[in-house]
PDB file of all heavy atoms in Angstrom:
ATOM      1  N   SER A   1      -5.331  15.894   3.428  1.00  0.00           N
ATOM      2  CA  SER A   1      -6.474  15.174   2.870  1.00  0.00           C
ATOM      3  C   SER A   1      -7.315  14.520   3.954  1.00  0.00           C
ATOM      4  O   SER A   1      -8.513  14.322   3.784  1.00  0.00           O
ATOM      5  CB  SER A   1      -5.997  14.100   1.884  1.00  0.00           C
ATOM      6  OG  SER A   1      -5.177  13.159   2.558  1.00  0.00           O
ATOM      7  N   SER A   2      -6.679  14.186   5.079  1.00  0.00           N
ATOM      8  CA  SER A   2      -7.397  13.446   6.110  1.00  0.00           C
ATOM      9  C   SER A   2      -6.602  13.495   7.403  1.00  0.00           C
ATOM     10  O   SER A   2      -5.371  13.612   7.394  1.00  0.00           O
ATOM     11  CB  SER A   2      -7.590  11.987   5.682  1.00  0.00           C
ATOM     12  OG  SER A   2      -8.076  11.196   6.741  1.00  0.00           O
ATOM     13  N   SER A   3      -7.312  13.399   8.523  1.00  0.00           N
ATOM     14  CA  SER A   3      -6.629  13.291   9.810  1.00  0.00           C
ATOM     15  C   SER A   3      -6.154  11.862  10.050  1.00  0.00           C
ATOM     16  O   SER A   3      -5.429  11.595  11.006  1.00  0.00           O
ATOM     17  CB  SER A   3      -7.565  13.727  10.945  1.00  0.00           C
ATOM     18  OG  SER A   3      -8.726  12.905  10.964  1.00  0.00           O
ATOM     19  N   ASN A   4      -6.568  10.943   9.189  1.00  0.00           N
ATOM     20  CA  ASN A   4      -6.169   9.545   9.297  1.00  0.00           C
ATOM     21  C   ASN A   4      -5.702   9.064   7.922  1.00  0.00           C
ATOM     22  O   ASN A   4      -6.411   8.336   7.227  1.00  0.00           O
ATOM     23  CB  ASN A   4      -7.348   8.697   9.794  1.00  0.00           C
ATOM     24  CG  ASN A   4      -6.947   7.259  10.062  1.00  0.00           C
ATOM     25  OD1 ASN A   4      -5.776   6.981  10.357  1.00  0.00           O
ATOM     26  ND2 ASN A   4      -7.891   6.347   9.938  1.00  0.00           N
ATOM     27  N   PRO A   5      -4.510   9.502   7.503  1.00  0.00           N
ATOM     28  CA  PRO A   5      -4.049   9.207   6.149  1.00  0.00           C
ATOM     29  C   PRO A   5      -3.783   7.720   5.935  1.00  0.00           C
ATOM     30  O   PRO A   5      -3.469   6.994   6.886  1.00  0.00           O
ATOM     31  CB  PRO A   5      -2.750  10.015   6.034  1.00  0.00           C
ATOM     32  CG  PRO A   5      -2.280  10.161   7.444  1.00  0.00           C
ATOM     33  CD  PRO A   5      -3.527  10.270   8.269  1.00  0.00           C
ATOM     34  N   PRO A   6      -3.916   7.252   4.689  1.00  0.00           N
ATOM     35  CA  PRO A   6      -3.682   5.825   4.409  1.00  0.00           C
ATOM     36  C   PRO A   6      -2.213   5.462   4.579  1.00  0.00           C
ATOM     37  O   PRO A   6      -1.327   6.292   4.387  1.00  0.00           O
ATOM     38  CB  PRO A   6      -4.131   5.677   2.950  1.00  0.00           C
ATOM     39  CG  PRO A   6      -3.977   7.046   2.365  1.00  0.00           C
ATOM     40  CD  PRO A   6      -4.297   7.988   3.473  1.00  0.00           C
ATOM     41  N   SER A   7      -1.968   4.231   4.921  1.00  0.00           N
ATOM     42  CA  SER A   7      -0.604   3.729   5.049  1.00  0.00           C
ATOM     43  C   SER A   7      -0.079   3.329   3.673  1.00  0.00           C
ATOM     44  O   SER A   7      -0.831   3.256   2.697  1.00  0.00           O
ATOM     45  CB  SER A   7      -0.579   2.518   5.978  1.00  0.00           C
ATOM     46  OG  SER A   7      -1.329   1.445   5.396  1.00  0.00           O
ATOM     47  N   MET A   8       1.216   3.050   3.609  1.00  0.00           N
ATOM     48  CA  MET A   8       1.810   2.626   2.340  1.00  0.00           C
ATOM     49  C   MET A   8       1.174   1.339   1.806  1.00  0.00           C
ATOM     50  O   MET A   8       0.872   1.243   0.615  1.00  0.00           O
ATOM     51  CB  MET A   8       3.320   2.463   2.510  1.00  0.00           C
ATOM     52  CG  MET A   8       4.048   3.756   2.811  1.00  0.00           C
ATOM     53  SD  MET A   8       4.119   4.872   1.400  1.00  0.00           S
ATOM     54  CE  MET A   8       5.527   4.204   0.528  1.00  0.00           C
ATOM     55  N   PRO A   9       0.928   0.315   2.639  1.00  0.00           N
ATOM     56  CA  PRO A   9       0.238  -0.873   2.120  1.00  0.00           C
ATOM     57  C   PRO A   9      -1.161  -0.546   1.595  1.00  0.00           C
ATOM     58  O   PRO A   9      -1.599  -1.129   0.597  1.00  0.00           O
ATOM     59  CB  PRO A   9       0.168  -1.794   3.345  1.00  0.00           C
ATOM     60  CG  PRO A   9       1.329  -1.385   4.187  1.00  0.00           C
ATOM     61  CD  PRO A   9       1.419   0.100   4.020  1.00  0.00           C
ATOM     62  N   GLN A  10      -1.867   0.381   2.251  1.00  0.00           N
ATOM     63  CA  GLN A  10      -3.186   0.778   1.752  1.00  0.00           C
ATOM     64  C   GLN A  10      -3.074   1.489   0.400  1.00  0.00           C
ATOM     65  O   GLN A  10      -3.894   1.265  -0.495  1.00  0.00           O
ATOM     66  CB  GLN A  10      -3.870   1.691   2.768  1.00  0.00           C
ATOM     67  CG  GLN A  10      -4.352   0.970   4.014  1.00  0.00           C
ATOM     68  CD  GLN A  10      -4.908   1.925   5.060  1.00  0.00           C
ATOM     69  OE1 GLN A  10      -4.316   2.958   5.353  1.00  0.00           O
ATOM     70  NE2 GLN A  10      -6.063   1.582   5.622  1.00  0.00           N
ATOM     71  N   ILE A  11      -2.047   2.333   0.251  1.00  0.00           N
ATOM     72  CA  ILE A  11      -1.818   3.004  -1.035  1.00  0.00           C
ATOM     73  C   ILE A  11      -1.516   1.965  -2.115  1.00  0.00           C
ATOM     74  O   ILE A  11      -2.001   2.070  -3.246  1.00  0.00           O
ATOM     75  CB  ILE A  11      -0.672   4.019  -0.913  1.00  0.00           C
ATOM     76  CG1 ILE A  11      -1.103   5.191  -0.031  1.00  0.00           C
ATOM     77  CG2 ILE A  11      -0.247   4.526  -2.292  1.00  0.00           C
ATOM     78  CD1 ILE A  11       0.005   6.196   0.252  1.00  0.00           C
ATOM     79  N   ALA A  12      -0.733   0.943  -1.761  1.00  0.00           N
ATOM     80  CA  ALA A  12      -0.425  -0.126  -2.724  1.00  0.00           C
ATOM     81  C   ALA A  12      -1.695  -0.832  -3.176  1.00  0.00           C
ATOM     82  O   ALA A  12      -1.868  -1.133  -4.368  1.00  0.00           O
ATOM     83  CB  ALA A  12       0.555  -1.123  -2.100  1.00  0.00           C
ATOM     84  N   ARG A  13      -2.604  -1.082  -2.227  1.00  0.00           N
ATOM     85  CA  ARG A  13      -3.861  -1.754  -2.589  1.00  0.00           C
ATOM     86  C   ARG A  13      -4.740  -0.838  -3.464  1.00  0.00           C
ATOM     87  O   ARG A  13      -5.411  -1.314  -4.388  1.00  0.00           O
ATOM     88  CB  ARG A  13      -4.608  -2.167  -1.323  1.00  0.00           C
ATOM     89  CG  ARG A  13      -3.954  -3.333  -0.590  1.00  0.00           C
ATOM     90  CD  ARG A  13      -4.867  -3.937   0.459  1.00  0.00           C
ATOM     91  NE  ARG A  13      -5.067  -3.061   1.599  1.00  0.00           N
ATOM     92  CZ  ARG A  13      -4.269  -3.044   2.673  1.00  0.00           C
ATOM     93  NH1 ARG A  13      -3.222  -3.852   2.741  1.00  0.00           N
ATOM     94  NH2 ARG A  13      -4.534  -2.230   3.684  1.00  0.00           N
ATOM     95  N   LEU A  14      -4.733   0.465  -3.181  1.00  0.00           N
ATOM     96  CA  LEU A  14      -5.486   1.416  -4.007  1.00  0.00           C
ATOM     97  C   LEU A  14      -4.955   1.423  -5.439  1.00  0.00           C
ATOM     98  O   LEU A  14      -5.728   1.423  -6.408  1.00  0.00           O
ATOM     99  CB  LEU A  14      -5.402   2.821  -3.411  1.00  0.00           C
ATOM    100  CG  LEU A  14      -6.182   3.071  -2.111  1.00  0.00           C
ATOM    101  CD1 LEU A  14      -5.813   4.433  -1.530  1.00  0.00           C
ATOM    102  CD2 LEU A  14      -7.690   2.999  -2.361  1.00  0.00           C
ATOM    103  N   LEU A  15      -3.629   1.403  -5.578  1.00  0.00           N
ATOM    104  CA  LEU A  15      -3.024   1.386  -6.907  1.00  0.00           C
ATOM    105  C   LEU A  15      -3.311   0.072  -7.621  1.00  0.00           C
ATOM    106  O   LEU A  15      -3.528   0.041  -8.837  1.00  0.00           O
ATOM    107  CB  LEU A  15      -1.514   1.612  -6.811  1.00  0.00           C
ATOM    108  CG  LEU A  15      -1.073   3.023  -6.428  1.00  0.00           C
ATOM    109  CD1 LEU A  15       0.432   3.071  -6.168  1.00  0.00           C
ATOM    110  CD2 LEU A  15      -1.445   4.016  -7.528  1.00  0.00           C
ATOM    111  N   SER A  16      -3.329  -1.016  -6.867  1.00  0.00           N
ATOM    112  CA  SER A  16      -3.622  -2.321  -7.450  1.00  0.00           C
ATOM    113  C   SER A  16      -5.048  -2.359  -8.009  1.00  0.00           C
ATOM    114  O   SER A  16      -5.302  -2.917  -9.083  1.00  0.00           O
ATOM    115  CB  SER A  16      -3.439  -3.422  -6.410  1.00  0.00           C
ATOM    116  OG  SER A  16      -3.724  -4.689  -6.954  1.00  0.00           O
ATOM    117  N   ALA A  17      -5.976  -1.735  -7.280  1.00  0.00           N
ATOM    118  CA  ALA A  17      -7.364  -1.695  -7.742  1.00  0.00           C
ATOM    119  C   ALA A  17      -7.519  -0.789  -8.954  1.00  0.00           C
ATOM    120  O   ALA A  17      -8.301  -1.071  -9.873  1.00  0.00           O
ATOM    121  CB  ALA A  17      -8.272  -1.213  -6.615  1.00  0.00           C
ATOM    122  N   ALA A  18      -6.750   0.329  -8.974  1.00  0.00           N
ATOM    123  CA  ALA A  18      -6.849   1.279 -10.085  1.00  0.00           C
ATOM    124  C   ALA A  18      -6.160   0.759 -11.338  1.00  0.00           C
ATOM    125  O   ALA A  18      -6.582   1.063 -12.459  1.00  0.00           O
ATOM    126  CB  ALA A  18      -6.247   2.622  -9.674  1.00  0.00           C
ATOM    127  N   TYR A  19      -5.099  -0.042 -11.149  1.00  0.00           N
ATOM    128  CA  TYR A  19      -4.334  -0.580 -12.282  1.00  0.00           C
ATOM    129  C   TYR A  19      -4.224  -2.094 -12.121  1.00  0.00           C
ATOM    130  O   TYR A  19      -3.195  -2.615 -11.669  1.00  0.00           O
ATOM    131  CB  TYR A  19      -2.945   0.049 -12.342  1.00  0.00           C
ATOM    132  CG  TYR A  19      -2.973   1.558 -12.427  1.00  0.00           C
ATOM    133  CD1 TYR A  19      -2.817   2.345 -11.280  1.00  0.00           C
ATOM    134  CD2 TYR A  19      -3.162   2.203 -13.643  1.00  0.00           C
ATOM    135  CE1 TYR A  19      -2.848   3.732 -11.350  1.00  0.00           C
ATOM    136  CE2 TYR A  19      -3.190   3.586 -13.728  1.00  0.00           C
ATOM    137  CZ  TYR A  19      -3.034   4.343 -12.576  1.00  0.00           C
ATOM    138  OH  TYR A  19      -3.063   5.716 -12.647  1.00  0.00           O
ATOM    139  N   PRO A  20      -5.283  -2.822 -12.492  1.00  0.00           N
ATOM    140  CA  PRO A  20      -5.328  -4.275 -12.248  1.00  0.00           C
ATOM    141  C   PRO A  20      -4.170  -5.035 -12.871  1.00  0.00           C
ATOM    142  O   PRO A  20      -3.751  -6.073 -12.350  1.00  0.00           O
ATOM    143  CB  PRO A  20      -6.665  -4.697 -12.874  1.00  0.00           C
ATOM    144  CG  PRO A  20      -7.478  -3.440 -12.893  1.00  0.00           C
ATOM    145  CD  PRO A  20      -6.516  -2.327 -13.124  1.00  0.00           C
ATOM    146  N   GLY A  21      -3.643  -4.530 -13.978  1.00  0.00           N
ATOM    147  CA  GLY A  21      -2.570  -5.248 -14.651  1.00  0.00           C
ATOM    148  C   GLY A  21      -1.198  -4.991 -14.062  1.00  0.00           C
ATOM    149  O   GLY A  21      -0.225  -5.665 -14.409  1.00  0.00           O
ATOM    150  N   ALA A  22      -1.080  -4.021 -13.177  1.00  0.00           N
ATOM    151  CA  ALA A  22       0.217  -3.657 -12.618  1.00  0.00           C
ATOM    152  C   ALA A  22       0.545  -4.511 -11.399  1.00  0.00           C
ATOM    153  O   ALA A  22      -0.344  -4.963 -10.683  1.00  0.00           O
ATOM    154  CB  ALA A  22       0.227  -2.180 -12.229  1.00  0.00           C
ATOM    155  N   LYS A  23       1.830  -4.720 -11.189  1.00  0.00           N
ATOM    156  CA  LYS A  23       2.278  -5.475 -10.024  1.00  0.00           C
ATOM    157  C   LYS A  23       2.669  -4.502  -8.922  1.00  0.00           C
ATOM    158  O   LYS A  23       3.579  -3.699  -9.086  1.00  0.00           O
ATOM    159  CB  LYS A  23       3.477  -6.349 -10.393  1.00  0.00           C
ATOM    160  CG  LYS A  23       3.158  -7.438 -11.398  1.00  0.00           C
ATOM    161  CD  LYS A  23       4.395  -8.275 -11.689  1.00  0.00           C
ATOM    162  CE  LYS A  23       4.087  -9.390 -12.678  1.00  0.00           C
ATOM    163  NZ  LYS A  23       5.296 -10.187 -12.977  1.00  0.00           N
ATOM    164  N   VAL A  24       1.985  -4.558  -7.808  1.00  0.00           N
ATOM    165  CA  VAL A  24       2.338  -3.715  -6.667  1.00  0.00           C
ATOM    166  C   VAL A  24       2.951  -4.597  -5.582  1.00  0.00           C
ATOM    167  O   VAL A  24       2.697  -5.811  -5.549  1.00  0.00           O
ATOM    168  CB  VAL A  24       1.106  -2.958  -6.114  1.00  0.00           C
ATOM    169  CG1 VAL A  24       0.502  -2.062  -7.178  1.00  0.00           C
ATOM    170  CG2 VAL A  24       0.058  -3.938  -5.586  1.00  0.00           C
ATOM    171  N   PRO A  25       3.775  -4.035  -4.701  1.00  0.00           N
ATOM    172  CA  PRO A  25       4.393  -4.847  -3.641  1.00  0.00           C
ATOM    173  C   PRO A  25       3.335  -5.557  -2.801  1.00  0.00           C
ATOM    174  O   PRO A  25       2.475  -4.909  -2.201  1.00  0.00           O
ATOM    175  CB  PRO A  25       5.153  -3.806  -2.812  1.00  0.00           C
ATOM    176  CG  PRO A  25       5.415  -2.683  -3.759  1.00  0.00           C
ATOM    177  CD  PRO A  25       4.229  -2.640  -4.673  1.00  0.00           C
ATOM    178  N   PRO A  26       3.387  -6.871  -2.730  1.00  0.00           N
ATOM    179  CA  PRO A  26       2.336  -7.617  -2.022  1.00  0.00           C
ATOM    180  C   PRO A  26       2.573  -7.754  -0.519  1.00  0.00           C
ATOM    181  O   PRO A  26       1.683  -8.171   0.208  1.00  0.00           O
ATOM    182  CB  PRO A  26       2.382  -8.985  -2.692  1.00  0.00           C
ATOM    183  CG  PRO A  26       3.821  -9.142  -3.096  1.00  0.00           C
ATOM    184  CD  PRO A  26       4.319  -7.771  -3.433  1.00  0.00           C
ATOM    185  N   LEU A  27       3.789  -7.415  -0.056  1.00  0.00           N
ATOM    186  CA  LEU A  27       4.142  -7.695   1.336  1.00  0.00           C
ATOM    187  C   LEU A  27       4.340  -6.408   2.137  1.00  0.00           C
ATOM    188  O   LEU A  27       4.674  -5.363   1.583  1.00  0.00           O
ATOM    189  CB  LEU A  27       5.428  -8.518   1.383  1.00  0.00           C
ATOM    190  CG  LEU A  27       5.437  -9.827   0.582  1.00  0.00           C
ATOM    191  CD1 LEU A  27       6.808 -10.477   0.659  1.00  0.00           C
ATOM    192  CD2 LEU A  27       4.362 -10.780   1.100  1.00  0.00           C
ATOM    193  N   THR A  28       4.132  -6.504   3.438  1.00  0.00           N
ATOM    194  CA  THR A  28       4.416  -5.408   4.362  1.00  0.00           C
ATOM    195  C   THR A  28       5.591  -5.808   5.239  1.00  0.00           C
ATOM    196  O   THR A  28       5.565  -6.862   5.883  1.00  0.00           O
ATOM    197  CB  THR A  28       3.190  -5.103   5.247  1.00  0.00           C
ATOM    198  OG1 THR A  28       2.086  -4.744   4.426  1.00  0.00           O
ATOM    199  CG2 THR A  28       3.499  -3.960   6.210  1.00  0.00           C
ATOM    200  N   ALA A  29       6.626  -4.990   5.261  1.00  0.00           N
ATOM    201  CA  ALA A  29       7.822  -5.317   6.041  1.00  0.00           C
ATOM    202  C   ALA A  29       7.498  -5.309   7.526  1.00  0.00           C
ATOM    203  O   ALA A  29       6.765  -4.438   8.000  1.00  0.00           O
ATOM    204  CB  ALA A  29       8.924  -4.302   5.740  1.00  0.00           C
ATOM    205  N   PRO A  30       8.034  -6.256   8.281  1.00  0.00           N
ATOM    206  CA  PRO A  30       7.809  -6.260   9.733  1.00  0.00           C
ATOM    207  C   PRO A  30       8.439  -5.023  10.371  1.00  0.00           C
ATOM    208  O   PRO A  30       9.465  -4.523   9.910  1.00  0.00           O
ATOM    209  CB  PRO A  30       8.490  -7.549  10.199  1.00  0.00           C
ATOM    210  CG  PRO A  30       9.450  -7.905   9.118  1.00  0.00           C
ATOM    211  CD  PRO A  30       8.858  -7.402   7.845  1.00  0.00           C
ATOM    212  N   GLU A  31       7.812  -4.567  11.437  1.00  0.00           N
ATOM    213  CA  GLU A  31       8.252  -3.311  12.071  1.00  0.00           C
ATOM    214  C   GLU A  31       9.700  -3.383  12.551  1.00  0.00           C
ATOM    215  O   GLU A  31      10.443  -2.417  12.444  1.00  0.00           O
ATOM    216  CB  GLU A  31       7.322  -2.976  13.232  1.00  0.00           C
ATOM    217  CG  GLU A  31       7.599  -1.611  13.854  1.00  0.00           C
ATOM    218  CD  GLU A  31       6.569  -1.246  14.897  1.00  0.00           C
ATOM    219  OE1 GLU A  31       5.423  -1.714  14.798  1.00  0.00           O
ATOM    220  OE2 GLU A  31       6.924  -0.498  15.822  1.00  0.00           O
ATOM    221  N   TRP A  32      10.114  -4.538  13.080  1.00  0.00           N
ATOM    222  CA  TRP A  32      11.472  -4.651  13.606  1.00  0.00           C
ATOM    223  C   TRP A  32      12.511  -4.429  12.515  1.00  0.00           C
ATOM    224  O   TRP A  32      13.572  -3.829  12.769  1.00  0.00           O
ATOM    225  CB  TRP A  32      11.688  -6.010  14.282  1.00  0.00           C
ATOM    226  CG  TRP A  32      11.627  -7.197  13.347  1.00  0.00           C
ATOM    227  CD1 TRP A  32      10.561  -7.992  13.092  1.00  0.00           C
ATOM    228  CD2 TRP A  32      12.698  -7.698  12.540  1.00  0.00           C
ATOM    229  NE1 TRP A  32      10.874  -8.967  12.172  1.00  0.00           N
ATOM    230  CE2 TRP A  32      12.192  -8.807  11.820  1.00  0.00           C
ATOM    231  CE3 TRP A  32      14.029  -7.334  12.355  1.00  0.00           C
ATOM    232  CZ2 TRP A  32      12.968  -9.535  10.926  1.00  0.00           C
ATOM    233  CZ3 TRP A  32      14.811  -8.064  11.463  1.00  0.00           C
ATOM    234  CH2 TRP A  32      14.281  -9.146  10.761  1.00  0.00           C
ATOM    235  N   SER A  33      12.215  -4.895  11.280  1.00  0.00           N
ATOM    236  CA  SER A  33      13.188  -4.732  10.199  1.00  0.00           C
ATOM    237  C   SER A  33      13.292  -3.273   9.760  1.00  0.00           C
ATOM    238  O   SER A  33      14.376  -2.792   9.419  1.00  0.00           O
ATOM    239  CB  SER A  33      12.798  -5.613   9.005  1.00  0.00           C
ATOM    240  OG  SER A  33      11.564  -5.186   8.438  1.00  0.00           O
ATOM    241  N   VAL A  34      12.153  -2.559   9.785  1.00  0.00           N
ATOM    242  CA  VAL A  34      12.163  -1.148   9.438  1.00  0.00           C
ATOM    243  C   VAL A  34      12.943  -0.345  10.475  1.00  0.00           C
ATOM    244  O   VAL A  34      13.748   0.533  10.146  1.00  0.00           O
ATOM    245  CB  VAL A  34      10.720  -0.608   9.311  1.00  0.00           C
ATOM    246  CG1 VAL A  34      10.729   0.885   9.025  1.00  0.00           C
ATOM    247  CG2 VAL A  34       9.965  -1.349   8.215  1.00  0.00           C
TER     248      VAL A  34
END
């Protein structure tokens, strides 16, 4: 779809905008924990 695909937090924000009533994960895990 793109040479610069969206990240998981960006996908979460897209879903939040598309489904205002739904709860999407609000936080991004720190890199060290991943």
